[in-house]
Amino acid sequence: MAAAALRAQLNAHITGMYTEGVVDEDTFEELREEGTAAEVSRLYINDAHEIIDDIDTLMEQPEVDFDEVEALTQQLMWCTSSVGAEQVNLACMHFGNFYAINYKEGCLVSLALVKNEFLIVRHELEVMIELEEQIAACGPNS
């Protein structure tokens, strides 16, 4: 596919991410203008996945360390703000309502929401990264 068609597809995909609320337009446009959107997205995907796995591991323990869960959730929220993934942040705040009162069952249900929101963002960012890589493979004169 020609680079121009790929660029149009990339722009349409990113516009869709804004429209669907996957990422905050102001935050993500700033990353695009700086030329760091793909790299920051890769870092976000890797870091957030690791943090969610760590939270999952803690939640599987018979005695949950809710202070550690809170610390990891704060890291996840900070990480999430790097790409403007507001729905993930909102899910984290909901999750926080349950770990704040040490309610494991509520945490498990709301952690599923955090994971789901993360998977949506990850998928959309991975599509964007793939399109950018395809454009780059076309060469600078395309």
N, C-alpha and C. Protein backbone atom coordinates (compact mmCIF):
# COMPACT_ATOMS: atom_id res chain seq x y z
N MET A 1 0.86 -1.18 0.00
CA MET A 1 0.00 0.00 0.00
C MET A 1 0.90 1.23 0.00
N ALA A 2 0.54 2.23 -0.75
CA ALA A 2 1.34 3.45 -0.87
C ALA A 2 1.34 4.20 0.47
N ALA A 3 2.44 4.91 0.69
CA ALA A 3 2.59 5.65 1.94
C ALA A 3 1.46 6.65 2.17
N ALA A 4 1.02 7.31 1.11
CA ALA A 4 -0.06 8.30 1.26
C ALA A 4 -1.35 7.63 1.75
N ALA A 5 -1.65 6.47 1.23
CA ALA A 5 -2.85 5.75 1.67
C ALA A 5 -2.70 5.28 3.11
N LEU A 6 -1.49 4.85 3.46
CA LEU A 6 -1.23 4.43 4.84
C LEU A 6 -1.35 5.62 5.80
N ARG A 7 -0.83 6.77 5.38
CA ARG A 7 -0.94 7.98 6.23
C ARG A 7 -2.41 8.35 6.46
N ALA A 8 -3.20 8.24 5.40
CA ALA A 8 -4.64 8.54 5.52
C ALA A 8 -5.31 7.55 6.47
N GLN A 9 -4.92 6.29 6.36
CA GLN A 9 -5.46 5.26 7.25
C GLN A 9 -5.03 5.53 8.69
N LEU A 10 -3.78 5.91 8.88
CA LEU A 10 -3.27 6.24 10.23
C LEU A 10 -4.03 7.42 10.81
N ASN A 11 -4.19 8.48 10.02
CA ASN A 11 -4.90 9.66 10.51
C ASN A 11 -6.35 9.34 10.87
N ALA A 12 -7.00 8.51 10.05
CA ALA A 12 -8.38 8.12 10.33
C ALA A 12 -8.44 7.28 11.61
N HIS A 13 -7.46 6.41 11.79
CA HIS A 13 -7.43 5.57 12.99
C HIS A 13 -7.25 6.43 14.24
N ILE A 14 -6.34 7.37 14.19
CA ILE A 14 -6.09 8.24 15.34
C ILE A 14 -7.31 9.11 15.63
N THR A 15 -7.94 9.63 14.59
CA THR A 15 -9.17 10.40 14.78
C THR A 15 -10.23 9.54 15.46
N GLY A 16 -10.32 8.29 15.06
CA GLY A 16 -11.25 7.36 15.70
C GLY A 16 -10.92 7.13 17.17
N MET A 17 -9.63 7.07 17.48
CA MET A 17 -9.23 6.91 18.88
C MET A 17 -9.70 8.11 19.71
N TYR A 18 -9.64 9.30 19.13
CA TYR A 18 -10.11 10.50 19.83
C TYR A 18 -11.63 10.46 20.00
N THR A 19 -12.31 10.15 18.90
CA THR A 19 -13.77 10.13 18.90
C THR A 19 -14.31 9.11 19.90
N GLU A 20 -13.67 7.94 19.97
CA GLU A 20 -14.12 6.88 20.86
C GLU A 20 -13.63 7.07 22.29
N GLY A 21 -12.82 8.10 22.53
CA GLY A 21 -12.33 8.36 23.88
C GLY A 21 -11.25 7.40 24.34
N VAL A 22 -10.57 6.77 23.40
CA VAL A 22 -9.50 5.83 23.75
C VAL A 22 -8.33 6.59 24.35
N VAL A 23 -7.98 7.72 23.73
CA VAL A 23 -6.93 8.60 24.25
C VAL A 23 -7.41 10.04 24.18
N ASP A 24 -6.85 10.85 25.06
CA ASP A 24 -7.17 12.28 25.07
C ASP A 24 -6.47 12.95 23.89
N GLU A 25 -7.23 13.70 23.13
CA GLU A 25 -6.69 14.32 21.91
C GLU A 25 -5.54 15.27 22.21
N ASP A 26 -5.68 16.15 23.20
CA ASP A 26 -4.63 17.12 23.50
C ASP A 26 -3.34 16.43 23.89
N THR A 27 -3.43 15.45 24.77
CA THR A 27 -2.25 14.72 25.23
C THR A 27 -1.59 13.99 24.07
N PHE A 28 -2.39 13.29 23.28
CA PHE A 28 -1.82 12.48 22.21
C PHE A 28 -1.30 13.32 21.05
N GLU A 29 -1.97 14.42 20.74
CA GLU A 29 -1.48 15.30 19.69
C GLU A 29 -0.12 15.89 20.05
N GLU A 30 0.07 16.19 21.32
CA GLU A 30 1.36 16.70 21.77
C GLU A 30 2.45 15.66 21.52
N LEU A 31 2.16 14.40 21.80
CA LEU A 31 3.12 13.31 21.54
C LEU A 31 3.40 13.19 20.05
N ARG A 32 2.36 13.32 19.23
CA ARG A 32 2.55 13.23 17.78
C ARG A 32 3.41 14.38 17.26
N GLU A 33 3.14 15.59 17.77
CA GLU A 33 3.92 16.75 17.34
C GLU A 33 5.39 16.60 17.73
N GLU A 34 5.64 15.98 18.86
CA GLU A 34 7.02 15.75 19.31
C GLU A 34 7.67 14.57 18.60
N GLY A 35 6.86 13.79 17.87
CA GLY A 35 7.38 12.62 17.17
C GLY A 35 7.63 11.44 18.11
N THR A 36 6.97 11.45 19.28
CA THR A 36 7.21 10.40 20.28
C THR A 36 6.00 9.50 20.53
N ALA A 37 4.95 9.66 19.77
CA ALA A 37 3.71 8.92 20.03
C ALA A 37 3.92 7.40 20.02
N ALA A 38 4.63 6.89 19.03
CA ALA A 38 4.83 5.44 18.94
C ALA A 38 5.69 4.93 20.09
N GLU A 39 6.77 5.63 20.38
CA GLU A 39 7.67 5.19 21.46
C GLU A 39 6.99 5.26 22.82
N VAL A 40 6.30 6.36 23.11
CA VAL A 40 5.58 6.49 24.38
C VAL A 40 4.48 5.42 24.45
N SER A 41 3.83 5.14 23.35
CA SER A 41 2.79 4.10 23.33
C SER A 41 3.38 2.73 23.63
N ARG A 42 4.53 2.42 23.05
CA ARG A 42 5.19 1.14 23.34
C ARG A 42 5.54 1.03 24.82
N LEU A 43 6.11 2.10 25.36
CA LEU A 43 6.46 2.10 26.78
C LEU A 43 5.21 1.93 27.65
N TYR A 44 4.16 2.64 27.30
CA TYR A 44 2.91 2.53 28.05
C TYR A 44 2.40 1.10 28.03
N ILE A 45 2.34 0.50 26.86
CA ILE A 45 1.82 -0.87 26.73
C ILE A 45 2.62 -1.82 27.61
N ASN A 46 3.94 -1.74 27.53
CA ASN A 46 4.79 -2.65 28.32
C ASN A 46 4.68 -2.39 29.81
N ASP A 47 4.78 -1.13 30.21
CA ASP A 47 4.74 -0.78 31.63
C ASP A 47 3.38 -1.09 32.25
N ALA A 48 2.31 -0.69 31.57
CA ALA A 48 0.97 -0.91 32.10
C ALA A 48 0.68 -2.41 32.22
N HIS A 49 1.10 -3.17 31.22
CA HIS A 49 0.88 -4.62 31.26
C HIS A 49 1.58 -5.22 32.48
N GLU A 50 2.81 -4.82 32.71
CA GLU A 50 3.57 -5.33 33.84
C GLU A 50 2.92 -4.94 35.18
N ILE A 51 2.49 -3.69 35.28
CA ILE A 51 1.85 -3.23 36.52
C ILE A 51 0.54 -3.99 36.77
N ILE A 52 -0.26 -4.17 35.74
CA ILE A 52 -1.52 -4.90 35.89
C ILE A 52 -1.25 -6.34 36.31
N ASP A 53 -0.24 -6.96 35.72
CA ASP A 53 0.13 -8.32 36.13
C ASP A 53 0.54 -8.36 37.60
N ASP A 54 1.30 -7.35 38.05
CA ASP A 54 1.71 -7.29 39.45
C ASP A 54 0.51 -7.12 40.37
N ILE A 55 -0.44 -6.27 39.98
CA ILE A 55 -1.66 -6.09 40.78
C ILE A 55 -2.43 -7.41 40.83
N ASP A 56 -2.53 -8.06 39.69
CA ASP A 56 -3.22 -9.35 39.61
C ASP A 56 -2.60 -10.36 40.58
N THR A 57 -1.29 -10.42 40.60
CA THR A 57 -0.58 -11.34 41.49
C THR A 57 -0.89 -11.02 42.95
N LEU A 58 -0.87 -9.75 43.29
CA LEU A 58 -1.21 -9.36 44.67
C LEU A 58 -2.63 -9.75 45.03
N MET A 59 -3.54 -9.57 44.10
CA MET A 59 -4.95 -9.85 44.38
C MET A 59 -5.21 -11.35 44.53
N GLU A 60 -4.32 -12.17 44.01
CA GLU A 60 -4.47 -13.63 44.14
C GLU A 60 -4.03 -14.15 45.50
N GLN A 61 -3.34 -13.32 46.26
CA GLN A 61 -2.84 -13.74 47.57
C GLN A 61 -3.99 -13.88 48.56
N PRO A 62 -3.87 -14.84 49.52
CA PRO A 62 -4.91 -14.98 50.53
C PRO A 62 -5.08 -13.71 51.37
N GLU A 63 -3.97 -13.08 51.71
CA GLU A 63 -3.98 -11.81 52.42
C GLU A 63 -3.44 -10.74 51.48
N VAL A 64 -4.29 -9.87 51.00
CA VAL A 64 -3.89 -8.86 50.03
C VAL A 64 -3.23 -7.68 50.73
N ASP A 65 -2.09 -7.25 50.21
CA ASP A 65 -1.41 -6.04 50.70
C ASP A 65 -2.02 -4.86 49.95
N PHE A 66 -3.07 -4.28 50.52
CA PHE A 66 -3.81 -3.21 49.84
C PHE A 66 -2.97 -1.95 49.68
N ASP A 67 -1.99 -1.74 50.56
CA ASP A 67 -1.11 -0.58 50.40
C ASP A 67 -0.26 -0.73 49.14
N GLU A 68 0.21 -1.95 48.89
CA GLU A 68 1.00 -2.20 47.67
C GLU A 68 0.10 -2.11 46.44
N VAL A 69 -1.12 -2.61 46.55
CA VAL A 69 -2.08 -2.49 45.45
C VAL A 69 -2.31 -1.02 45.13
N GLU A 70 -2.47 -0.20 46.16
CA GLU A 70 -2.66 1.23 45.95
C GLU A 70 -1.46 1.86 45.26
N ALA A 71 -0.26 1.51 45.72
CA ALA A 71 0.96 2.08 45.13
C ALA A 71 1.07 1.70 43.65
N LEU A 72 0.79 0.45 43.34
CA LEU A 72 0.85 0.01 41.94
C LEU A 72 -0.23 0.68 41.10
N THR A 73 -1.39 0.86 41.66
CA THR A 73 -2.47 1.52 40.92
C THR A 73 -2.11 2.98 40.63
N GLN A 74 -1.47 3.63 41.59
CA GLN A 74 -1.01 5.01 41.36
C GLN A 74 0.02 5.04 40.23
N GLN A 75 0.92 4.05 40.19
CA GLN A 75 1.89 3.95 39.09
C GLN A 75 1.17 3.76 37.76
N LEU A 76 0.16 2.90 37.77
CA LEU A 76 -0.60 2.65 36.55
C LEU A 76 -1.29 3.92 36.07
N MET A 77 -1.86 4.67 36.99
CA MET A 77 -2.54 5.91 36.61
C MET A 77 -1.55 6.92 36.05
N TRP A 78 -0.39 7.02 36.64
CA TRP A 78 0.65 7.93 36.13
C TRP A 78 1.06 7.49 34.74
N CYS A 79 1.31 6.21 34.59
CA CYS A 79 1.71 5.64 33.30
C CYS A 79 0.63 5.90 32.25
N THR A 80 -0.61 5.70 32.62
CA THR A 80 -1.74 5.87 31.72
C THR A 80 -1.89 7.31 31.26
N SER A 81 -1.57 8.24 32.14
CA SER A 81 -1.69 9.65 31.77
C SER A 81 -0.70 10.03 30.67
N SER A 82 0.36 9.24 30.49
CA SER A 82 1.36 9.56 29.47
C SER A 82 0.78 9.51 28.06
N VAL A 83 -0.24 8.69 27.85
CA VAL A 83 -0.89 8.61 26.54
C VAL A 83 -2.31 9.19 26.56
N GLY A 84 -2.75 9.63 27.72
CA GLY A 84 -4.09 10.22 27.82
C GLY A 84 -5.21 9.20 27.77
N ALA A 85 -4.96 8.00 28.30
CA ALA A 85 -5.98 6.94 28.29
C ALA A 85 -6.93 7.14 29.47
N GLU A 86 -7.86 8.06 29.31
CA GLU A 86 -8.74 8.47 30.40
C GLU A 86 -9.65 7.35 30.90
N GLN A 87 -10.11 6.48 30.02
CA GLN A 87 -11.00 5.41 30.47
C GLN A 87 -10.27 4.43 31.39
N VAL A 88 -8.99 4.22 31.13
CA VAL A 88 -8.20 3.37 32.04
C VAL A 88 -8.06 4.08 33.38
N ASN A 89 -7.80 5.37 33.35
CA ASN A 89 -7.68 6.13 34.61
C ASN A 89 -8.99 6.09 35.39
N LEU A 90 -10.11 6.25 34.71
CA LEU A 90 -11.41 6.19 35.39
C LEU A 90 -11.64 4.81 36.01
N ALA A 91 -11.28 3.76 35.28
CA ALA A 91 -11.42 2.41 35.81
C ALA A 91 -10.52 2.22 37.04
N CYS A 92 -9.33 2.82 37.01
CA CYS A 92 -8.42 2.74 38.17
C CYS A 92 -9.01 3.45 39.38
N MET A 93 -9.66 4.59 39.15
CA MET A 93 -10.30 5.30 40.26
C MET A 93 -11.42 4.47 40.86
N HIS A 94 -12.20 3.81 40.01
CA HIS A 94 -13.26 2.93 40.48
C HIS A 94 -12.65 1.79 41.31
N PHE A 95 -11.59 1.20 40.80
CA PHE A 95 -10.85 0.15 41.50
C PHE A 95 -10.38 0.66 42.86
N GLY A 96 -9.93 1.90 42.90
CA GLY A 96 -9.45 2.50 44.15
C GLY A 96 -10.52 2.60 45.21
N ASN A 97 -11.77 2.75 44.81
CA ASN A 97 -12.85 2.79 45.79
C ASN A 97 -12.92 1.50 46.60
N PHE A 98 -12.54 0.39 45.98
CA PHE A 98 -12.60 -0.91 46.66
C PHE A 98 -11.34 -1.22 47.46
N TYR A 99 -10.16 -0.90 46.91
CA TYR A 99 -8.98 -1.20 47.72
C TYR A 99 -8.87 -0.24 48.91
N ALA A 100 -9.48 0.93 48.81
CA ALA A 100 -9.46 1.89 49.92
C ALA A 100 -10.20 1.33 51.15
N ILE A 101 -11.17 0.47 50.91
CA ILE A 101 -11.90 -0.13 52.04
C ILE A 101 -11.54 -1.61 52.22
N ASN A 102 -10.45 -2.03 51.57
CA ASN A 102 -9.94 -3.40 51.70
C ASN A 102 -10.99 -4.46 51.33
N TYR A 103 -11.74 -4.19 50.27
CA TYR A 103 -12.80 -5.09 49.83
C TYR A 103 -12.32 -5.88 48.62
N LYS A 104 -11.79 -7.07 48.89
CA LYS A 104 -11.14 -7.87 47.85
C LYS A 104 -12.09 -8.23 46.71
N GLU A 105 -13.29 -8.66 47.01
CA GLU A 105 -14.22 -9.07 45.96
C GLU A 105 -14.55 -7.90 45.02
N GLY A 106 -14.75 -6.73 45.61
CA GLY A 106 -14.99 -5.55 44.79
C GLY A 106 -13.79 -5.20 43.94
N CYS A 107 -12.61 -5.39 44.51
CA CYS A 107 -11.37 -5.14 43.76
C CYS A 107 -11.28 -6.07 42.55
N LEU A 108 -11.60 -7.34 42.76
CA LEU A 108 -11.48 -8.31 41.67
C LEU A 108 -12.42 -7.96 40.51
N VAL A 109 -13.63 -7.55 40.84
CA VAL A 109 -14.58 -7.17 39.79
C VAL A 109 -14.11 -5.91 39.07
N SER A 110 -13.69 -4.91 39.83
CA SER A 110 -13.29 -3.66 39.18
C SER A 110 -11.93 -3.78 38.49
N LEU A 111 -11.08 -4.70 38.95
CA LEU A 111 -9.82 -4.94 38.24
C LEU A 111 -10.09 -5.50 36.85
N ALA A 112 -11.14 -6.29 36.72
CA ALA A 112 -11.52 -6.80 35.39
C ALA A 112 -11.84 -5.64 34.46
N LEU A 113 -12.48 -4.60 34.97
CA LEU A 113 -12.77 -3.41 34.17
C LEU A 113 -11.48 -2.69 33.77
N VAL A 114 -10.55 -2.56 34.70
CA VAL A 114 -9.26 -1.94 34.39
C VAL A 114 -8.58 -2.71 33.26
N LYS A 115 -8.56 -4.03 33.38
CA LYS A 115 -7.93 -4.87 32.35
C LYS A 115 -8.60 -4.69 31.00
N ASN A 116 -9.94 -4.67 30.99
CA ASN A 116 -10.68 -4.51 29.75
C ASN A 116 -10.37 -3.18 29.08
N GLU A 117 -10.40 -2.12 29.87
CA GLU A 117 -10.09 -0.79 29.31
C GLU A 117 -8.66 -0.75 28.77
N PHE A 118 -7.73 -1.36 29.51
CA PHE A 118 -6.35 -1.41 29.04
C PHE A 118 -6.24 -2.16 27.72
N LEU A 119 -6.94 -3.28 27.60
CA LEU A 119 -6.87 -4.07 26.37
C LEU A 119 -7.39 -3.29 25.17
N ILE A 120 -8.42 -2.49 25.38
CA ILE A 120 -8.94 -1.64 24.29
C ILE A 120 -7.87 -0.64 23.86
N VAL A 121 -7.28 0.05 24.82
CA VAL A 121 -6.25 1.05 24.50
C VAL A 121 -5.05 0.37 23.85
N ARG A 122 -4.62 -0.75 24.42
CA ARG A 122 -3.45 -1.45 23.86
C ARG A 122 -3.69 -1.82 22.40
N HIS A 123 -4.87 -2.38 22.11
CA HIS A 123 -5.17 -2.77 20.73
C HIS A 123 -5.10 -1.57 19.78
N GLU A 124 -5.74 -0.49 20.16
CA GLU A 124 -5.76 0.70 19.30
C GLU A 124 -4.35 1.27 19.10
N LEU A 125 -3.56 1.29 20.17
CA LEU A 125 -2.19 1.80 20.05
C LEU A 125 -1.34 0.87 19.19
N GLU A 126 -1.53 -0.44 19.33
CA GLU A 126 -0.77 -1.39 18.51
C GLU A 126 -1.10 -1.23 17.02
N VAL A 127 -2.36 -0.98 16.70
CA VAL A 127 -2.74 -0.74 15.31
C VAL A 127 -2.03 0.52 14.80
N MET A 128 -2.02 1.57 15.62
CA MET A 128 -1.35 2.81 15.23
C MET A 128 0.15 2.58 15.00
N ILE A 129 0.79 1.86 15.90
CA ILE A 129 2.22 1.58 15.78
C ILE A 129 2.49 0.79 14.50
N GLU A 130 1.67 -0.20 14.22
CA GLU A 130 1.84 -1.01 13.01
C GLU A 130 1.71 -0.15 11.75
N LEU A 131 0.74 0.75 11.73
CA LEU A 131 0.59 1.64 10.58
C LEU A 131 1.81 2.54 10.43
N GLU A 132 2.30 3.07 11.54
CA GLU A 132 3.50 3.92 11.47
C GLU A 132 4.70 3.15 10.95
N GLU A 133 4.83 1.89 11.38
CA GLU A 133 5.94 1.06 10.90
C GLU A 133 5.81 0.78 9.40
N GLN A 134 4.59 0.57 8.93
CA GLN A 134 4.38 0.33 7.50
C GLN A 134 4.72 1.58 6.70
N ILE A 135 4.38 2.74 7.23
CA ILE A 135 4.70 4.01 6.55
C ILE A 135 6.22 4.17 6.49
N ALA A 136 6.89 3.90 7.60
CA ALA A 136 8.35 4.03 7.65
C ALA A 136 9.03 3.07 6.67
N ALA A 137 8.45 1.88 6.51
CA ALA A 137 9.02 0.89 5.60
C ALA A 137 8.90 1.31 4.13
N CYS A 138 7.98 2.22 3.85
CA CYS A 138 7.82 2.72 2.48
C CYS A 138 9.00 3.60 2.06
N GLY A 139 9.73 4.10 3.03
CA GLY A 139 10.87 4.95 2.73
C GLY A 139 10.52 6.42 2.84
N PRO A 140 11.55 7.26 2.95
CA PRO A 140 11.33 8.69 3.17
C PRO A 140 10.77 9.42 1.96
N ASN A 141 10.91 8.89 0.77
CA ASN A 141 10.46 9.59 -0.44
C ASN A 141 9.07 9.17 -0.89
N SER A 142 8.40 8.38 -0.07
CA SER A 142 7.07 7.88 -0.47
C SER A 142 5.99 8.85 -0.13
